[in-house]
N, C-alpha and C. Protein backbone atom coordinates (compact mmCIF):
# COMPACT_ATOMS: atom_id res chain seq x y z
N MET A 1 85.77 284.69 112.74
CA MET A 1 85.43 284.57 111.33
C MET A 1 86.57 285.17 110.51
N ILE A 2 87.05 284.42 109.57
CA ILE A 2 88.12 284.87 108.69
C ILE A 2 87.49 285.27 107.36
N ARG A 3 87.54 286.57 107.08
CA ARG A 3 86.93 287.10 105.86
C ARG A 3 87.97 287.47 104.81
N ASP A 4 89.20 287.64 105.26
CA ASP A 4 90.25 288.17 104.39
C ASP A 4 91.58 287.67 104.94
N VAL A 5 92.60 287.61 104.09
CA VAL A 5 93.91 287.15 104.54
C VAL A 5 94.43 288.00 105.71
N THR A 6 94.02 289.27 105.76
CA THR A 6 94.49 290.14 106.85
C THR A 6 93.88 289.76 108.20
N ASP A 7 92.91 288.86 108.20
CA ASP A 7 92.35 288.35 109.46
C ASP A 7 93.21 287.24 110.04
N LEU A 8 94.20 286.79 109.30
CA LEU A 8 95.11 285.75 109.79
C LEU A 8 96.27 286.39 110.55
N VAL A 9 96.40 286.07 111.81
CA VAL A 9 97.46 286.62 112.65
C VAL A 9 98.83 286.31 112.06
N VAL A 10 99.00 285.11 111.55
CA VAL A 10 100.29 284.68 111.01
C VAL A 10 100.69 285.55 109.82
N TYR A 11 99.74 285.97 109.02
CA TYR A 11 100.00 286.85 107.88
C TYR A 11 100.47 288.22 108.38
N ASN A 12 99.74 288.78 109.33
CA ASN A 12 100.10 290.09 109.88
C ASN A 12 101.45 290.06 110.57
N ASN A 13 101.74 288.98 111.28
CA ASN A 13 103.04 288.85 111.94
C ASN A 13 104.18 288.79 110.91
N ALA A 14 103.94 288.10 109.80
CA ALA A 14 104.97 288.00 108.76
C ALA A 14 105.32 289.39 108.23
N LEU A 15 104.32 290.25 108.07
CA LEU A 15 104.58 291.61 107.61
C LEU A 15 105.25 292.44 108.70
N GLU A 16 104.77 292.31 109.91
CA GLU A 16 105.33 293.08 111.03
C GLU A 16 106.79 292.71 111.29
N ASN A 17 107.12 291.44 111.18
CA ASN A 17 108.50 290.98 111.41
C ASN A 17 109.48 291.57 110.41
N LEU A 18 108.98 291.95 109.25
CA LEU A 18 109.87 292.51 108.22
C LEU A 18 110.57 293.78 108.68
N ARG A 19 109.91 294.58 109.51
CA ARG A 19 110.53 295.83 109.96
C ARG A 19 111.86 295.57 110.65
N LEU A 20 111.86 294.63 111.58
CA LEU A 20 113.10 294.30 112.29
C LEU A 20 114.07 293.54 111.38
N LEU A 21 113.53 292.73 110.50
CA LEU A 21 114.38 291.99 109.58
C LEU A 21 115.16 292.94 108.68
N TYR A 22 114.50 293.98 108.20
CA TYR A 22 115.19 294.99 107.38
C TYR A 22 116.26 295.71 108.20
N ASP A 23 115.97 295.96 109.48
CA ASP A 23 116.97 296.59 110.35
C ASP A 23 118.22 295.71 110.45
N LEU A 24 118.00 294.42 110.67
CA LEU A 24 119.14 293.50 110.77
C LEU A 24 119.89 293.44 109.44
N ALA A 25 119.16 293.32 108.35
CA ALA A 25 119.80 293.23 107.03
C ALA A 25 120.66 294.45 106.75
N SER A 26 120.21 295.62 107.18
CA SER A 26 120.99 296.84 106.94
C SER A 26 122.30 296.86 107.73
N GLN A 27 122.39 296.04 108.75
CA GLN A 27 123.61 295.97 109.56
C GLN A 27 124.67 295.04 108.96
N ILE A 28 124.26 294.23 108.01
CA ILE A 28 125.18 293.27 107.40
C ILE A 28 125.95 293.99 106.29
N PRO A 29 127.28 294.00 106.38
CA PRO A 29 128.08 294.76 105.41
C PRO A 29 128.04 294.15 104.00
N ASP A 30 128.44 294.97 103.04
CA ASP A 30 128.46 294.54 101.64
C ASP A 30 129.32 293.31 101.41
N SER A 31 130.32 293.14 102.25
CA SER A 31 131.19 291.97 102.10
C SER A 31 130.43 290.66 102.32
N HIS A 32 129.22 290.76 102.90
CA HIS A 32 128.36 289.59 103.14
C HIS A 32 126.98 289.82 102.53
N ARG A 33 126.97 290.45 101.36
CA ARG A 33 125.69 290.80 100.71
C ARG A 33 124.85 289.58 100.35
N LYS A 34 125.48 288.43 100.12
CA LYS A 34 124.71 287.22 99.81
C LYS A 34 123.82 286.84 100.99
N LEU A 35 124.38 286.90 102.19
CA LEU A 35 123.60 286.61 103.39
C LEU A 35 122.47 287.63 103.53
N ARG A 36 122.80 288.90 103.33
CA ARG A 36 121.79 289.96 103.43
C ARG A 36 120.65 289.71 102.44
N PHE A 37 121.01 289.38 101.19
CA PHE A 37 120.02 289.11 100.16
C PHE A 37 119.14 287.91 100.53
N GLN A 38 119.76 286.83 100.97
CA GLN A 38 119.00 285.62 101.32
C GLN A 38 118.07 285.87 102.51
N LEU A 39 118.53 286.64 103.47
CA LEU A 39 117.73 286.97 104.64
C LEU A 39 116.48 287.75 104.22
N ILE A 40 116.69 288.76 103.41
CA ILE A 40 115.56 289.58 102.95
C ILE A 40 114.63 288.78 102.05
N GLU A 41 115.20 288.05 101.11
CA GLU A 41 114.38 287.29 100.16
C GLU A 41 113.49 286.27 100.87
N SER A 42 114.05 285.53 101.81
CA SER A 42 113.25 284.52 102.50
C SER A 42 112.20 285.17 103.40
N GLY A 43 112.55 286.26 104.07
CA GLY A 43 111.60 286.95 104.93
C GLY A 43 110.46 287.59 104.15
N GLU A 44 110.80 288.17 103.00
CA GLU A 44 109.78 288.84 102.18
C GLU A 44 108.82 287.85 101.53
N SER A 45 109.20 286.61 101.38
CA SER A 45 108.35 285.65 100.67
C SER A 45 107.22 285.09 101.53
N ILE A 46 107.31 285.19 102.85
CA ILE A 46 106.34 284.53 103.72
C ILE A 46 104.92 285.08 103.55
N ALA A 47 104.72 286.36 103.72
CA ALA A 47 103.37 286.93 103.62
C ALA A 47 102.74 286.71 102.24
N PRO A 48 103.48 286.93 101.13
CA PRO A 48 102.87 286.66 99.83
C PRO A 48 102.47 285.19 99.62
N LEU A 49 103.26 284.27 100.15
CA LEU A 49 102.88 282.86 100.05
C LEU A 49 101.60 282.57 100.81
N ILE A 50 101.47 283.15 102.00
CA ILE A 50 100.24 282.98 102.77
C ILE A 50 99.06 283.57 102.00
N ALA A 51 99.26 284.76 101.44
CA ALA A 51 98.19 285.43 100.70
C ALA A 51 97.80 284.62 99.46
N GLU A 52 98.78 284.13 98.72
CA GLU A 52 98.47 283.36 97.52
C GLU A 52 97.73 282.07 97.88
N GLY A 53 98.18 281.43 98.95
CA GLY A 53 97.49 280.23 99.41
C GLY A 53 96.07 280.53 99.84
N TYR A 54 95.90 281.64 100.55
CA TYR A 54 94.56 282.02 101.00
C TYR A 54 93.63 282.23 99.81
N GLY A 55 94.17 282.76 98.74
CA GLY A 55 93.38 282.95 97.53
C GLY A 55 92.90 281.63 96.93
N LYS A 56 93.54 280.54 97.31
CA LYS A 56 93.18 279.21 96.82
C LYS A 56 92.56 278.36 97.93
N LYS A 57 92.05 279.03 98.96
CA LYS A 57 91.59 278.34 100.17
C LYS A 57 90.45 277.35 99.95
N ARG A 58 89.74 277.46 98.84
CA ARG A 58 88.66 276.52 98.58
C ARG A 58 89.21 275.11 98.36
N SER A 59 90.48 275.05 98.01
CA SER A 59 91.17 273.76 97.92
C SER A 59 92.11 273.68 99.13
N GLU A 60 91.68 272.92 100.13
CA GLU A 60 92.49 272.80 101.35
C GLU A 60 93.90 272.32 101.03
N LYS A 61 94.02 271.38 100.13
CA LYS A 61 95.34 270.84 99.76
C LYS A 61 96.24 271.93 99.17
N GLU A 62 95.67 272.76 98.29
CA GLU A 62 96.45 273.82 97.65
C GLU A 62 96.85 274.89 98.67
N PHE A 63 95.91 275.27 99.53
CA PHE A 63 96.21 276.27 100.55
C PHE A 63 97.33 275.78 101.45
N LYS A 64 97.24 274.55 101.89
CA LYS A 64 98.26 274.00 102.77
C LYS A 64 99.63 273.92 102.07
N ARG A 65 99.61 273.67 100.77
CA ARG A 65 100.88 273.63 100.02
C ARG A 65 101.59 274.98 100.11
N PHE A 66 100.84 276.07 99.97
CA PHE A 66 101.43 277.40 100.07
C PHE A 66 101.86 277.70 101.50
N LEU A 67 101.07 277.25 102.47
CA LEU A 67 101.47 277.45 103.88
C LEU A 67 102.76 276.70 104.18
N GLU A 68 102.91 275.51 103.60
CA GLU A 68 104.14 274.74 103.82
C GLU A 68 105.35 275.45 103.19
N MET A 69 105.15 276.09 102.05
CA MET A 69 106.25 276.86 101.45
C MET A 69 106.58 278.06 102.34
N ALA A 70 105.56 278.72 102.90
CA ALA A 70 105.79 279.84 103.81
C ALA A 70 106.54 279.36 105.05
N LEU A 71 106.18 278.19 105.54
CA LEU A 71 106.88 277.60 106.69
C LEU A 71 108.35 277.35 106.35
N GLY A 72 108.61 276.84 105.18
CA GLY A 72 109.99 276.63 104.75
C GLY A 72 110.76 277.93 104.71
N SER A 73 110.11 278.99 104.22
CA SER A 73 110.78 280.31 104.18
C SER A 73 111.04 280.84 105.58
N SER A 74 110.08 280.64 106.48
CA SER A 74 110.26 281.10 107.86
C SER A 74 111.44 280.37 108.51
N ASP A 75 111.50 279.07 108.31
CA ASP A 75 112.62 278.30 108.86
C ASP A 75 113.95 278.71 108.22
N GLU A 76 113.90 279.07 106.95
CA GLU A 76 115.11 279.55 106.27
C GLU A 76 115.58 280.87 106.89
N VAL A 77 114.64 281.75 107.20
CA VAL A 77 114.99 283.03 107.84
C VAL A 77 115.73 282.75 109.15
N ILE A 78 115.23 281.81 109.92
CA ILE A 78 115.87 281.48 111.20
C ILE A 78 117.32 281.07 110.98
N THR A 79 117.57 280.26 109.97
CA THR A 79 118.94 279.84 109.68
C THR A 79 119.81 281.02 109.31
N HIS A 80 119.30 281.92 108.47
CA HIS A 80 120.09 283.11 108.09
C HIS A 80 120.32 284.02 109.29
N GLU A 81 119.36 284.11 110.17
CA GLU A 81 119.55 284.92 111.39
C GLU A 81 120.62 284.30 112.28
N ARG A 82 120.65 282.99 112.35
CA ARG A 82 121.70 282.31 113.12
C ARG A 82 123.07 282.57 112.49
N GLN A 83 123.11 282.59 111.16
CA GLN A 83 124.37 282.92 110.48
C GLN A 83 124.79 284.35 110.80
N ALA A 84 123.83 285.27 110.80
CA ALA A 84 124.13 286.67 111.13
C ALA A 84 124.64 286.78 112.56
N LYS A 85 124.07 285.98 113.46
CA LYS A 85 124.53 286.01 114.86
C LYS A 85 125.97 285.54 114.96
N ILE A 86 126.32 284.52 114.22
CA ILE A 86 127.71 284.06 114.20
C ILE A 86 128.61 285.17 113.66
N LEU A 87 128.16 285.81 112.61
CA LEU A 87 128.92 286.91 112.00
C LEU A 87 129.06 288.09 112.97
N SER A 88 128.07 288.27 113.84
CA SER A 88 128.10 289.40 114.78
C SER A 88 129.28 289.31 115.75
N GLN A 89 129.84 288.12 115.90
CA GLN A 89 131.00 287.95 116.77
C GLN A 89 132.24 288.61 116.16
N ARG A 90 132.21 288.82 114.84
CA ARG A 90 133.34 289.43 114.15
C ARG A 90 133.06 290.84 113.65
N ILE A 91 131.78 291.11 113.43
CA ILE A 91 131.40 292.40 112.86
C ILE A 91 130.51 293.12 113.85
N ARG A 92 131.04 294.17 114.45
CA ARG A 92 130.35 294.87 115.53
C ARG A 92 129.05 295.57 115.09
N SER A 93 128.93 295.86 113.81
CA SER A 93 127.73 296.56 113.34
C SER A 93 126.48 295.68 113.39
N ILE A 94 126.67 294.37 113.52
CA ILE A 94 125.53 293.45 113.59
C ILE A 94 125.13 293.26 115.05
N ASP A 95 123.91 293.61 115.36
CA ASP A 95 123.37 293.55 116.71
C ASP A 95 122.97 292.11 117.06
N SER A 96 123.76 291.49 117.91
CA SER A 96 123.53 290.10 118.31
C SER A 96 122.17 289.94 119.01
N ALA A 97 121.77 290.92 119.82
CA ALA A 97 120.48 290.85 120.52
C ALA A 97 119.32 290.90 119.52
N LEU A 98 119.48 291.69 118.47
CA LEU A 98 118.45 291.75 117.43
C LEU A 98 118.35 290.40 116.72
N CYS A 99 119.49 289.76 116.49
CA CYS A 99 119.47 288.41 115.90
C CYS A 99 118.66 287.46 116.78
N ASP A 100 118.92 287.50 118.08
CA ASP A 100 118.19 286.63 119.02
C ASP A 100 116.69 286.93 119.01
N LEU A 101 116.34 288.20 119.02
CA LEU A 101 114.93 288.60 119.01
C LEU A 101 114.24 288.08 117.75
N LEU A 102 114.89 288.26 116.61
CA LEU A 102 114.30 287.81 115.36
C LEU A 102 114.20 286.29 115.27
N ILE A 103 115.19 285.60 115.79
CA ILE A 103 115.11 284.14 115.82
C ILE A 103 113.87 283.71 116.58
N GLU A 104 113.62 284.32 117.72
CA GLU A 104 112.44 283.98 118.52
C GLU A 104 111.15 284.35 117.79
N LYS A 105 111.11 285.50 117.14
CA LYS A 105 109.91 285.92 116.41
C LYS A 105 109.60 284.97 115.26
N TYR A 106 110.61 284.53 114.56
CA TYR A 106 110.37 283.62 113.44
C TYR A 106 110.11 282.19 113.91
N LYS A 107 110.58 281.82 115.08
CA LYS A 107 110.18 280.53 115.65
C LYS A 107 108.68 280.55 115.93
N VAL A 108 108.18 281.66 116.45
CA VAL A 108 106.74 281.82 116.67
C VAL A 108 106.00 281.76 115.34
N GLU A 109 106.53 282.46 114.34
CA GLU A 109 105.92 282.45 113.00
C GLU A 109 105.81 281.02 112.48
N SER A 110 106.88 280.26 112.60
CA SER A 110 106.88 278.87 112.12
C SER A 110 105.86 278.03 112.88
N LYS A 111 105.78 278.22 114.18
CA LYS A 111 104.80 277.46 114.98
C LYS A 111 103.38 277.83 114.59
N GLN A 112 103.14 279.11 114.33
CA GLN A 112 101.81 279.55 113.90
C GLN A 112 101.45 278.93 112.56
N LEU A 113 102.40 278.89 111.65
CA LEU A 113 102.15 278.27 110.35
C LEU A 113 101.87 276.78 110.50
N GLN A 114 102.63 276.11 111.35
CA GLN A 114 102.39 274.68 111.59
C GLN A 114 100.98 274.45 112.12
N GLN A 115 100.55 275.29 113.04
CA GLN A 115 99.21 275.16 113.61
C GLN A 115 98.14 275.42 112.56
N LEU A 116 98.34 276.42 111.72
CA LEU A 116 97.36 276.73 110.68
C LEU A 116 97.28 275.58 109.68
N ILE A 117 98.40 275.01 109.32
CA ILE A 117 98.41 273.86 108.42
C ILE A 117 97.63 272.71 109.04
N LYS A 118 97.87 272.47 110.30
CA LYS A 118 97.24 271.36 111.01
C LYS A 118 95.74 271.58 111.18
N ASN A 119 95.33 272.81 111.45
CA ASN A 119 93.95 273.07 111.85
C ASN A 119 93.10 273.82 110.83
N TRP A 120 93.59 274.02 109.60
CA TRP A 120 92.85 274.88 108.67
C TRP A 120 91.40 274.44 108.49
N GLN A 121 91.12 273.16 108.39
CA GLN A 121 89.76 272.72 108.13
C GLN A 121 88.79 273.11 109.24
N THR A 122 89.30 273.40 110.43
CA THR A 122 88.42 273.79 111.53
C THR A 122 88.14 275.29 111.56
N TYR A 123 88.92 276.08 110.78
CA TYR A 123 88.69 277.51 110.72
C TYR A 123 87.49 277.79 109.82
N GLN A 124 86.82 278.90 110.08
CA GLN A 124 85.68 279.29 109.26
C GLN A 124 86.04 280.54 108.49
N TYR A 125 85.52 280.66 107.31
CA TYR A 125 85.71 281.87 106.52
C TYR A 125 84.40 282.20 105.83
N SER A 126 84.26 283.45 105.47
CA SER A 126 83.05 283.94 104.82
C SER A 126 82.99 283.44 103.38
N LYS A 127 81.88 282.88 102.99
CA LYS A 127 81.72 282.37 101.63
C LYS A 127 81.61 283.50 100.61
N SER A 128 81.39 284.74 101.09
CA SER A 128 81.26 285.85 100.17
C SER A 128 82.60 286.36 99.68
N VAL A 129 83.69 285.88 100.28
CA VAL A 129 85.03 286.30 99.88
C VAL A 129 85.47 285.55 98.66
């Protein structure tokens, strides 16, 4: 039973992934602050998009629209992490293994979002919310 957005695993994972994402972002030097900013901005947007969509869950179409935006942000994070991995070949402060770990975590996030988009109508939630 889903009573609150915090009952969604994908929402909790989006918040949990931020801890490692911030670690990676802190390793990117100021000379590449645009990449650092884009990485943080796209990662930080996922959970709020899920939450905003959940607030509109009575309209399946509207909820799915927000989930699709969250999916786009998750896929964007993966691209920025791949860019950071390329940069790690030149800048030793960027942990290549952390890039790989985050790429895998956000691939899972994207797959979870795809599944939620596909299956939302089969999920149940409390009408009192």
